[in-house]
Amino acid sequence: MIAQLSVYPIGEGTSVSRFVRKGVAVIEASGLPCEVGGMSTSVEAPDLDTLFDLIKKVHAAHVAEGAQRVVIDLKIDDRRDKKATIASKKKSVTGKI
């Protein structure tokens, strides 16, 4: 399954990059295939348990950084008819990876 994830604190001022960097580091350390974008991060996870465990860790990283309020935006594409990856999804709409 492929997930699009945005996790960010609110009420922490204009720039929240220090929080986002911590979350991205957790995602990258997970070893799951991922791609960081300008507004969200895409992650490939084998199942919901793995994905939700990762989201919990990203949330915890924001709290550990001092966030008092954290917003999580999540979209999940759980395609069952064939294997889908971030790369295959991009290729299907752009014709290139």
PDB file of N, CA and C in Angstrom:
ATOM      1  N   MET A   1       0.831  -1.174   0.000  1.00  0.00           N
ATOM      2  CA  MET A   1       0.000   0.000   0.000  1.00  0.00           C
ATOM      3  C   MET A   1       0.874   1.235   0.000  1.00  0.00           C
ATOM      4  N   ILE A   2       0.329   2.293  -0.553  1.00  0.00           N
ATOM      5  CA  ILE A   2       1.041   3.563  -0.612  1.00  0.00           C
ATOM      6  C   ILE A   2       0.275   4.569   0.223  1.00  0.00           C
ATOM      7  N   ALA A   3       1.009   5.324   1.029  1.00  0.00           N
ATOM      8  CA  ALA A   3       0.384   6.353   1.861  1.00  0.00           C
ATOM      9  C   ALA A   3       1.014   7.701   1.569  1.00  0.00           C
ATOM     10  N   GLN A   4       0.195   8.720   1.626  1.00  0.00           N
ATOM     11  CA  GLN A   4       0.664  10.100   1.554  1.00  0.00           C
ATOM     12  C   GLN A   4       0.449  10.693   2.930  1.00  0.00           C
ATOM     13  N   LEU A   5       1.504  11.194   3.520  1.00  0.00           N
ATOM     14  CA  LEU A   5       1.488  11.593   4.915  1.00  0.00           C
ATOM     15  C   LEU A   5       2.029  13.000   5.095  1.00  0.00           C
ATOM     16  N   SER A   6       1.278  13.813   5.822  1.00  0.00           N
ATOM     17  CA  SER A   6       1.755  15.130   6.250  1.00  0.00           C
ATOM     18  C   SER A   6       1.524  15.213   7.751  1.00  0.00           C
ATOM     19  N   VAL A   7       2.574  15.441   8.494  1.00  0.00           N
ATOM     20  CA  VAL A   7       2.479  15.589   9.940  1.00  0.00           C
ATOM     21  C   VAL A   7       3.144  16.907  10.297  1.00  0.00           C
ATOM     22  N   TYR A   8       2.423  17.754  10.998  1.00  0.00           N
ATOM     23  CA  TYR A   8       2.983  19.067  11.337  1.00  0.00           C
ATOM     24  C   TYR A   8       2.309  19.609  12.590  1.00  0.00           C
ATOM     25  N   PRO A   9       3.061  20.386  13.362  1.00  0.00           N
ATOM     26  CA  PRO A   9       2.489  21.007  14.549  1.00  0.00           C
ATOM     27  C   PRO A   9       1.813  22.317  14.161  1.00  0.00           C
ATOM     28  N   ILE A  10       0.861  22.734  14.956  1.00  0.00           N
ATOM     29  CA  ILE A  10       0.303  24.069  14.785  1.00  0.00           C
ATOM     30  C   ILE A  10       0.519  24.838  16.083  1.00  0.00           C
ATOM     31  N   GLY A  11       0.566  26.146  15.953  1.00  0.00           N
ATOM     32  CA  GLY A  11       0.815  26.987  17.117  1.00  0.00           C
ATOM     33  C   GLY A  11       2.281  27.100  17.474  1.00  0.00           C
ATOM     34  N   GLU A  12       3.162  26.713  16.542  1.00  0.00           N
ATOM     35  CA  GLU A  12       4.603  26.719  16.808  1.00  0.00           C
ATOM     36  C   GLU A  12       5.332  27.796  16.011  1.00  0.00           C
ATOM     37  N   GLY A  13       4.591  28.765  15.491  1.00  0.00           N
ATOM     38  CA  GLY A  13       5.219  29.839  14.730  1.00  0.00           C
ATOM     39  C   GLY A  13       5.116  29.612  13.237  1.00  0.00           C
ATOM     40  N   THR A  14       5.729  30.497  12.493  1.00  0.00           N
ATOM     41  CA  THR A  14       5.636  30.484  11.037  1.00  0.00           C
ATOM     42  C   THR A  14       6.372  29.298  10.424  1.00  0.00           C
ATOM     43  N   SER A  15       7.547  28.982  10.893  1.00  0.00           N
ATOM     44  CA  SER A  15       8.321  27.876  10.341  1.00  0.00           C
ATOM     45  C   SER A  15       8.218  26.648  11.242  1.00  0.00           C
ATOM     46  N   VAL A  16       7.860  25.523  10.645  1.00  0.00           N
ATOM     47  CA  VAL A  16       7.774  24.268  11.401  1.00  0.00           C
ATOM     48  C   VAL A  16       8.768  23.234  10.866  1.00  0.00           C
ATOM     49  N   SER A  17       9.756  23.716  10.106  1.00  0.00           N
ATOM     50  CA  SER A  17      10.681  22.793   9.446  1.00  0.00           C
ATOM     51  C   SER A  17      11.453  21.925  10.426  1.00  0.00           C
ATOM     52  N   ARG A  18      11.766  22.442  11.607  1.00  0.00           N
ATOM     53  CA  ARG A  18      12.536  21.608  12.550  1.00  0.00           C
ATOM     54  C   ARG A  18      11.723  20.390  12.982  1.00  0.00           C
ATOM     55  N   PHE A  19      10.418  20.544  13.098  1.00  0.00           N
ATOM     56  CA  PHE A  19       9.555  19.418  13.451  1.00  0.00           C
ATOM     57  C   PHE A  19       9.451  18.445  12.277  1.00  0.00           C
ATOM     58  N   VAL A  20       9.231  18.988  11.099  1.00  0.00           N
ATOM     59  CA  VAL A  20       9.088  18.154   9.909  1.00  0.00           C
ATOM     60  C   VAL A  20      10.365  17.360   9.657  1.00  0.00           C
ATOM     61  N   ARG A  21      11.514  17.980   9.841  1.00  0.00           N
ATOM     62  CA  ARG A  21      12.799  17.269   9.671  1.00  0.00           C
ATOM     63  C   ARG A  21      12.868  16.057  10.594  1.00  0.00           C
ATOM     64  N   LYS A  22      12.409  16.216  11.835  1.00  0.00           N
ATOM     65  CA  LYS A  22      12.428  15.086  12.778  1.00  0.00           C
ATOM     66  C   LYS A  22      11.532  13.957  12.273  1.00  0.00           C
ATOM     67  N   GLY A  23      10.349  14.312  11.773  1.00  0.00           N
ATOM     68  CA  GLY A  23       9.428  13.299  11.250  1.00  0.00           C
ATOM     69  C   GLY A  23       9.987  12.597  10.034  1.00  0.00           C
ATOM     70  N   VAL A  24      10.572  13.361   9.121  1.00  0.00           N
ATOM     71  CA  VAL A  24      11.172  12.772   7.920  1.00  0.00           C
ATOM     72  C   VAL A  24      12.308  11.831   8.308  1.00  0.00           C
ATOM     73  N   ALA A  25      13.090  12.200   9.290  1.00  0.00           N
ATOM     74  CA  ALA A  25      14.191  11.330   9.741  1.00  0.00           C
ATOM     75  C   ALA A  25      13.654   9.991  10.241  1.00  0.00           C
ATOM     76  N   VAL A  26      12.543  10.016  10.941  1.00  0.00           N
ATOM     77  CA  VAL A  26      11.919   8.775  11.434  1.00  0.00           C
ATOM     78  C   VAL A  26      11.469   7.918  10.252  1.00  0.00           C
ATOM     79  N   ILE A  27      10.844   8.551   9.275  1.00  0.00           N
ATOM     80  CA  ILE A  27      10.369   7.813   8.096  1.00  0.00           C
ATOM     81  C   ILE A  27      11.545   7.202   7.344  1.00  0.00           C
ATOM     82  N   GLU A  28      12.578   7.980   7.117  1.00  0.00           N
ATOM     83  CA  GLU A  28      13.743   7.470   6.389  1.00  0.00           C
ATOM     84  C   GLU A  28      14.438   6.346   7.161  1.00  0.00           C
ATOM     85  N   ALA A  29      14.487   6.457   8.484  1.00  0.00           N
ATOM     86  CA  ALA A  29      15.123   5.426   9.310  1.00  0.00           C
ATOM     87  C   ALA A  29      14.320   4.126   9.337  1.00  0.00           C
ATOM     88  N   SER A  30      13.052   4.194   8.966  1.00  0.00           N
ATOM     89  CA  SER A  30      12.200   2.997   8.998  1.00  0.00           C
ATOM     90  C   SER A  30      12.634   1.959   7.966  1.00  0.00           C
ATOM     91  N   GLY A  31      13.334   2.411   6.921  1.00  0.00           N
ATOM     92  CA  GLY A  31      13.729   1.498   5.862  1.00  0.00           C
ATOM     93  C   GLY A  31      12.643   1.267   4.826  1.00  0.00           C
ATOM     94  N   LEU A  32      11.457   1.835   5.032  1.00  0.00           N
ATOM     95  CA  LEU A  32      10.387   1.701   4.051  1.00  0.00           C
ATOM     96  C   LEU A  32      10.671   2.627   2.875  1.00  0.00           C
ATOM     97  N   PRO A  33      10.324   2.200   1.667  1.00  0.00           N
ATOM     98  CA  PRO A  33      10.499   3.091   0.530  1.00  0.00           C
ATOM     99  C   PRO A  33       9.682   4.369   0.749  1.00  0.00           C
ATOM    100  N   CYS A  34      10.305   5.515   0.486  1.00  0.00           N
ATOM    101  CA  CYS A  34       9.606   6.781   0.702  1.00  0.00           C
ATOM    102  C   CYS A  34      10.121   7.826  -0.259  1.00  0.00           C
ATOM    103  N   GLU A  35       9.338   8.871  -0.406  1.00  0.00           N
ATOM    104  CA  GLU A  35       9.723  10.003  -1.244  1.00  0.00           C
ATOM    105  C   GLU A  35       9.189  11.269  -0.577  1.00  0.00           C
ATOM    106  N   VAL A  36      10.095  12.163  -0.226  1.00  0.00           N
ATOM    107  CA  VAL A  36       9.721  13.416   0.411  1.00  0.00           C
ATOM    108  C   VAL A  36       9.361  14.420  -0.671  1.00  0.00           C
ATOM    109  N   GLY A  37       8.198  15.040  -0.521  1.00  0.00           N
ATOM    110  CA  GLY A  37       7.753  16.070  -1.452  1.00  0.00           C
ATOM    111  C   GLY A  37       7.695  17.414  -0.751  1.00  0.00           C
ATOM    112  N   GLY A  38       7.288  18.425  -1.475  1.00  0.00           N
ATOM    113  CA  GLY A  38       7.227  19.769  -0.928  1.00  0.00           C
ATOM    114  C   GLY A  38       6.144  19.960   0.128  1.00  0.00           C
ATOM    115  N   MET A  39       5.084  19.147   0.069  1.00  0.00           N
ATOM    116  CA  MET A  39       3.970  19.308   0.991  1.00  0.00           C
ATOM    117  C   MET A  39       3.602  18.026   1.752  1.00  0.00           C
ATOM    118  N   SER A  40       4.186  16.905   1.348  1.00  0.00           N
ATOM    119  CA  SER A  40       3.871  15.637   2.002  1.00  0.00           C
ATOM    120  C   SER A  40       4.969  14.629   1.681  1.00  0.00           C
ATOM    121  N   THR A  41       4.879  13.487   2.330  1.00  0.00           N
ATOM    122  CA  THR A  41       5.817  12.393   2.082  1.00  0.00           C
ATOM    123  C   THR A  41       5.021  11.163   1.699  1.00  0.00           C
ATOM    124  N   SER A  42       5.454  10.478   0.669  1.00  0.00           N
ATOM    125  CA  SER A  42       4.839   9.217   0.265  1.00  0.00           C
ATOM    126  C   SER A  42       5.653   8.075   0.854  1.00  0.00           C
ATOM    127  N   VAL A  43       4.939   7.052   1.313  1.00  0.00           N
ATOM    128  CA  VAL A  43       5.573   5.897   1.941  1.00  0.00           C
ATOM    129  C   VAL A  43       4.912   4.630   1.417  1.00  0.00           C
ATOM    130  N   GLU A  44       5.711   3.612   1.143  1.00  0.00           N
ATOM    131  CA  GLU A  44       5.190   2.292   0.810  1.00  0.00           C
ATOM    132  C   GLU A  44       5.268   1.429   2.061  1.00  0.00           C
ATOM    133  N   ALA A  45       4.159   0.840   2.437  1.00  0.00           N
ATOM    134  CA  ALA A  45       4.129  -0.023   3.622  1.00  0.00           C
ATOM    135  C   ALA A  45       3.452  -1.345   3.249  1.00  0.00           C
ATOM    136  N   PRO A  46       3.895  -2.435   3.847  1.00  0.00           N
ATOM    137  CA  PRO A  46       3.312  -3.730   3.496  1.00  0.00           C
ATOM    138  C   PRO A  46       1.898  -3.935   4.046  1.00  0.00           C
ATOM    139  N   ASP A  47       1.564  -3.206   5.130  1.00  0.00           N
ATOM    140  CA  ASP A  47       0.250  -3.389   5.754  1.00  0.00           C
ATOM    141  C   ASP A  47      -0.066  -2.200   6.660  1.00  0.00           C
ATOM    142  N   LEU A  48      -1.307  -2.144   7.134  1.00  0.00           N
ATOM    143  CA  LEU A  48      -1.742  -1.033   7.981  1.00  0.00           C
ATOM    144  C   LEU A  48      -1.006  -0.986   9.315  1.00  0.00           C
ATOM    145  N   ASP A  49      -0.740  -2.142   9.900  1.00  0.00           N
ATOM    146  CA  ASP A  49      -0.033  -2.139  11.193  1.00  0.00           C
ATOM    147  C   ASP A  49       1.325  -1.464  11.071  1.00  0.00           C
ATOM    148  N   THR A  50       2.061  -1.802  10.026  1.00  0.00           N
ATOM    149  CA  THR A  50       3.375  -1.188   9.813  1.00  0.00           C
ATOM    150  C   THR A  50       3.238   0.308   9.588  1.00  0.00           C
ATOM    151  N   LEU A  51       2.264   0.696   8.777  1.00  0.00           N
ATOM    152  CA  LEU A  51       2.048   2.116   8.493  1.00  0.00           C
ATOM    153  C   LEU A  51       1.671   2.877   9.759  1.00  0.00           C
ATOM    154  N   PHE A  52       0.730   2.353  10.526  1.00  0.00           N
ATOM    155  CA  PHE A  52       0.286   3.064  11.723  1.00  0.00           C
ATOM    156  C   PHE A  52       1.366   3.100  12.799  1.00  0.00           C
ATOM    157  N   ASP A  53       2.183   2.059  12.881  1.00  0.00           N
ATOM    158  CA  ASP A  53       3.322   2.104  13.808  1.00  0.00           C
ATOM    159  C   ASP A  53       4.280   3.235  13.421  1.00  0.00           C
ATOM    160  N   LEU A  54       4.512   3.393  12.114  1.00  0.00           N
ATOM    161  CA  LEU A  54       5.378   4.472  11.651  1.00  0.00           C
ATOM    162  C   LEU A  54       4.769   5.834  11.972  1.00  0.00           C
ATOM    163  N   ILE A  55       3.484   5.988  11.734  1.00  0.00           N
ATOM    164  CA  ILE A  55       2.818   7.260  12.025  1.00  0.00           C
ATOM    165  C   ILE A  55       2.913   7.588  13.511  1.00  0.00           C
ATOM    166  N   LYS A  56       2.753   6.605  14.363  1.00  0.00           N
ATOM    167  CA  LYS A  56       2.899   6.823  15.816  1.00  0.00           C
ATOM    168  C   LYS A  56       4.298   7.341  16.146  1.00  0.00           C
ATOM    169  N   LYS A  57       5.301   6.774  15.496  1.00  0.00           N
ATOM    170  CA  LYS A  57       6.685   7.203  15.754  1.00  0.00           C
ATOM    171  C   LYS A  57       6.927   8.628  15.255  1.00  0.00           C
ATOM    172  N   VAL A  58       6.371   8.973  14.108  1.00  0.00           N
ATOM    173  CA  VAL A  58       6.504  10.340  13.593  1.00  0.00           C
ATOM    174  C   VAL A  58       5.807  11.311  14.548  1.00  0.00           C
ATOM    175  N   HIS A  59       4.627  10.963  14.990  1.00  0.00           N
ATOM    176  CA  HIS A  59       3.898  11.793  15.954  1.00  0.00           C
ATOM    177  C   HIS A  59       4.727  11.975  17.221  1.00  0.00           C
ATOM    178  N   ALA A  60       5.280  10.899  17.720  1.00  0.00           N
ATOM    179  CA  ALA A  60       6.102  10.964  18.937  1.00  0.00           C
ATOM    180  C   ALA A  60       7.321  11.860  18.749  1.00  0.00           C
ATOM    181  N   ALA A  61       7.896  11.860  17.551  1.00  0.00           N
ATOM    182  CA  ALA A  61       9.053  12.719  17.280  1.00  0.00           C
ATOM    183  C   ALA A  61       8.668  14.185  17.363  1.00  0.00           C
ATOM    184  N   HIS A  62       7.484  14.524  16.883  1.00  0.00           N
ATOM    185  CA  HIS A  62       7.014  15.907  16.987  1.00  0.00           C
ATOM    186  C   HIS A  62       6.784  16.305  18.442  1.00  0.00           C
ATOM    187  N   VAL A  63       6.176  15.411  19.199  1.00  0.00           N
ATOM    188  CA  VAL A  63       5.928  15.691  20.620  1.00  0.00           C
ATOM    189  C   VAL A  63       7.246  15.824  21.369  1.00  0.00           C
ATOM    190  N   ALA A  64       8.198  14.950  21.072  1.00  0.00           N
ATOM    191  CA  ALA A  64       9.507  15.020  21.728  1.00  0.00           C
ATOM    192  C   ALA A  64      10.231  16.323  21.390  1.00  0.00           C
ATOM    193  N   GLU A  65       9.934  16.884  20.225  1.00  0.00           N
ATOM    194  CA  GLU A  65      10.547  18.149  19.808  1.00  0.00           C
ATOM    195  C   GLU A  65       9.857  19.341  20.478  1.00  0.00           C
ATOM    196  N   GLY A  66       8.745  19.070  21.181  1.00  0.00           N
ATOM    197  CA  GLY A  66       8.070  20.130  21.926  1.00  0.00           C
ATOM    198  C   GLY A  66       6.720  20.562  21.399  1.00  0.00           C
ATOM    199  N   ALA A  67       6.227  19.910  20.352  1.00  0.00           N
ATOM    200  CA  ALA A  67       4.925  20.287  19.805  1.00  0.00           C
ATOM    201  C   ALA A  67       3.823  20.044  20.830  1.00  0.00           C
ATOM    202  N   GLN A  68       2.946  21.018  20.961  1.00  0.00           N
ATOM    203  CA  GLN A  68       1.810  20.902  21.868  1.00  0.00           C
ATOM    204  C   GLN A  68       0.533  20.484  21.139  1.00  0.00           C
ATOM    205  N   ARG A  69       0.544  20.618  19.816  1.00  0.00           N
ATOM    206  CA  ARG A  69      -0.603  20.235  19.000  1.00  0.00           C
ATOM    207  C   ARG A  69      -0.078  19.752  17.659  1.00  0.00           C
ATOM    208  N   VAL A  70      -0.486  18.549  17.247  1.00  0.00           N
ATOM    209  CA  VAL A  70       0.031  17.931  16.032  1.00  0.00           C
ATOM    210  C   VAL A  70      -1.139  17.552  15.122  1.00  0.00           C
ATOM    211  N   VAL A  71      -1.033  17.927  13.855  1.00  0.00           N
ATOM    212  CA  VAL A  71      -2.029  17.569  12.848  1.00  0.00           C
ATOM    213  C   VAL A  71      -1.443  16.482  11.958  1.00  0.00           C
ATOM    214  N   ILE A  72      -2.246  15.462  11.660  1.00  0.00           N
ATOM    215  CA  ILE A  72      -1.830  14.385  10.770  1.00  0.00           C
ATOM    216  C   ILE A  72      -2.834  14.292   9.632  1.00  0.00           C
ATOM    217  N   ASP A  73      -2.346  14.510   8.402  1.00  0.00           N
ATOM    218  CA  ASP A  73      -3.144  14.303   7.193  1.00  0.00           C
ATOM    219  C   ASP A  73      -2.647  13.017   6.556  1.00  0.00           C
ATOM    220  N   LEU A  74      -3.566  12.097   6.264  1.00  0.00           N
ATOM    221  CA  LEU A  74      -3.171  10.790   5.753  1.00  0.00           C
ATOM    222  C   LEU A  74      -4.108  10.342   4.644  1.00  0.00           C
ATOM    223  N   LYS A  75      -3.516   9.905   3.544  1.00  0.00           N
ATOM    224  CA  LYS A  75      -4.254   9.250   2.468  1.00  0.00           C
ATOM    225  C   LYS A  75      -3.609   7.895   2.254  1.00  0.00           C
ATOM    226  N   ILE A  76      -4.431   6.870   2.057  1.00  0.00           N
ATOM    227  CA  ILE A  76      -3.913   5.522   1.844  1.00  0.00           C
ATOM    228  C   ILE A  76      -4.516   4.946   0.577  1.00  0.00           C
ATOM    229  N   ASP A  77      -3.654   4.419  -0.285  1.00  0.00           N
ATOM    230  CA  ASP A  77      -4.082   3.704  -1.478  1.00  0.00           C
ATOM    231  C   ASP A  77      -3.734   2.237  -1.270  1.00  0.00           C
ATOM    232  N   ASP A  78      -4.735   1.426  -0.941  1.00  0.00           N
ATOM    233  CA  ASP A  78      -4.540   0.004  -0.683  1.00  0.00           C
ATOM    234  C   ASP A  78      -5.040  -0.773  -1.898  1.00  0.00           C
ATOM    235  N   ARG A  79      -4.203  -0.861  -2.883  1.00  0.00           N
ATOM    236  CA  ARG A  79      -4.572  -1.523  -4.138  1.00  0.00           C
ATOM    237  C   ARG A  79      -4.375  -3.020  -4.000  1.00  0.00           C
ATOM    238  N   ARG A  80      -5.420  -3.786  -4.280  1.00  0.00           N
ATOM    239  CA  ARG A  80      -5.377  -5.233  -4.093  1.00  0.00           C
ATOM    240  C   ARG A  80      -5.240  -6.025  -5.387  1.00  0.00           C
ATOM    241  N   ASP A  81      -5.503  -5.392  -6.534  1.00  0.00           N
ATOM    242  CA  ASP A  81      -5.498  -6.148  -7.787  1.00  0.00           C
ATOM    243  C   ASP A  81      -4.112  -6.312  -8.396  1.00  0.00           C
ATOM    244  N   LYS A  82      -3.158  -5.464  -7.986  1.00  0.00           N
ATOM    245  CA  LYS A  82      -1.786  -5.611  -8.459  1.00  0.00           C
ATOM    246  C   LYS A  82      -0.867  -4.852  -7.517  1.00  0.00           C
ATOM    247  N   LYS A  83       0.421  -5.179  -7.596  1.00  0.00           N
ATOM    248  CA  LYS A  83       1.399  -4.497  -6.755  1.00  0.00           C
ATOM    249  C   LYS A  83       1.586  -3.076  -7.261  1.00  0.00           C
ATOM    250  N   ALA A  84       1.500  -2.132  -6.357  1.00  0.00           N
ATOM    251  CA  ALA A  84       1.701  -0.729  -6.714  1.00  0.00           C
ATOM    252  C   ALA A  84       2.832  -0.166  -5.858  1.00  0.00           C
ATOM    253  N   THR A  85       3.616   0.684  -6.462  1.00  0.00           N
ATOM    254  CA  THR A  85       4.703   1.357  -5.756  1.00  0.00           C
ATOM    255  C   THR A  85       4.597   2.849  -6.031  1.00  0.00           C
ATOM    256  N   ILE A  86       5.372   3.624  -5.323  1.00  0.00           N
ATOM    257  CA  ILE A  86       5.409   5.063  -5.595  1.00  0.00           C
ATOM    258  C   ILE A  86       5.830   5.287  -7.044  1.00  0.00           C
ATOM    259  N   ALA A  87       6.860   4.574  -7.473  1.00  0.00           N
ATOM    260  CA  ALA A  87       7.373   4.729  -8.837  1.00  0.00           C
ATOM    261  C   ALA A  87       6.327   4.325  -9.879  1.00  0.00           C
ATOM    262  N   SER A  88       5.638   3.203  -9.656  1.00  0.00           N
ATOM    263  CA  SER A  88       4.652   2.766 -10.652  1.00  0.00           C
ATOM    264  C   SER A  88       3.468   3.721 -10.713  1.00  0.00           C
ATOM    265  N   LYS A  89       3.098   4.279  -9.595  1.00  0.00           N
ATOM    266  CA  LYS A  89       2.002   5.248  -9.563  1.00  0.00           C
ATOM    267  C   LYS A  89       2.389   6.516 -10.327  1.00  0.00           C
ATOM    268  N   LYS A  90       3.623   7.000 -10.116  1.00  0.00           N
ATOM    269  CA  LYS A  90       4.095   8.180 -10.845  1.00  0.00           C
ATOM    270  C   LYS A  90       4.173   7.901 -12.344  1.00  0.00           C
ATOM    271  N   LYS A  91       4.696   6.719 -12.696  1.00  0.00           N
ATOM    272  CA  LYS A  91       4.830   6.377 -14.105  1.00  0.00           C
ATOM    273  C   LYS A  91       3.470   6.298 -14.790  1.00  0.00           C
ATOM    274  N   SER A  92       2.451   5.820 -14.082  1.00  0.00           N
ATOM    275  CA  SER A  92       1.132   5.670 -14.700  1.00  0.00           C
ATOM    276  C   SER A  92       0.499   7.012 -15.054  1.00  0.00           C
ATOM    277  N   VAL A  93       0.891   8.074 -14.364  1.00  0.00           N
ATOM    278  CA  VAL A  93       0.295   9.386 -14.650  1.00  0.00           C
ATOM    279  C   VAL A  93       1.218  10.317 -15.426  1.00  0.00           C
ATOM    280  N   THR A  94       2.528  10.043 -15.403  1.00  0.00           N
ATOM    281  CA  THR A  94       3.456  10.926 -16.108  1.00  0.00           C
ATOM    282  C   THR A  94       4.142  10.266 -17.289  1.00  0.00           C
ATOM    283  N   GLY A  95       4.117   8.943 -17.320  1.00  0.00           N
ATOM    284  CA  GLY A  95       4.829   8.225 -18.359  1.00  0.00           C
ATOM    285  C   GLY A  95       6.305   8.060 -18.078  1.00  0.00           C
ATOM    286  N   LYS A  96       6.760   8.581 -16.937  1.00  0.00           N
ATOM    287  CA  LYS A  96       8.174   8.463 -16.554  1.00  0.00           C
ATOM    288  C   LYS A  96       8.272   8.364 -15.041  1.00  0.00           C
ATOM    289  N   ILE A  97       9.409   7.945 -14.577  1.00  0.00           N
ATOM    290  CA  ILE A  97       9.613   7.823 -13.124  1.00  0.00           C
ATOM    291  C   ILE A  97      10.257   9.067 -12.601  1.00  0.00           C
TER     292      ILE A  97
END
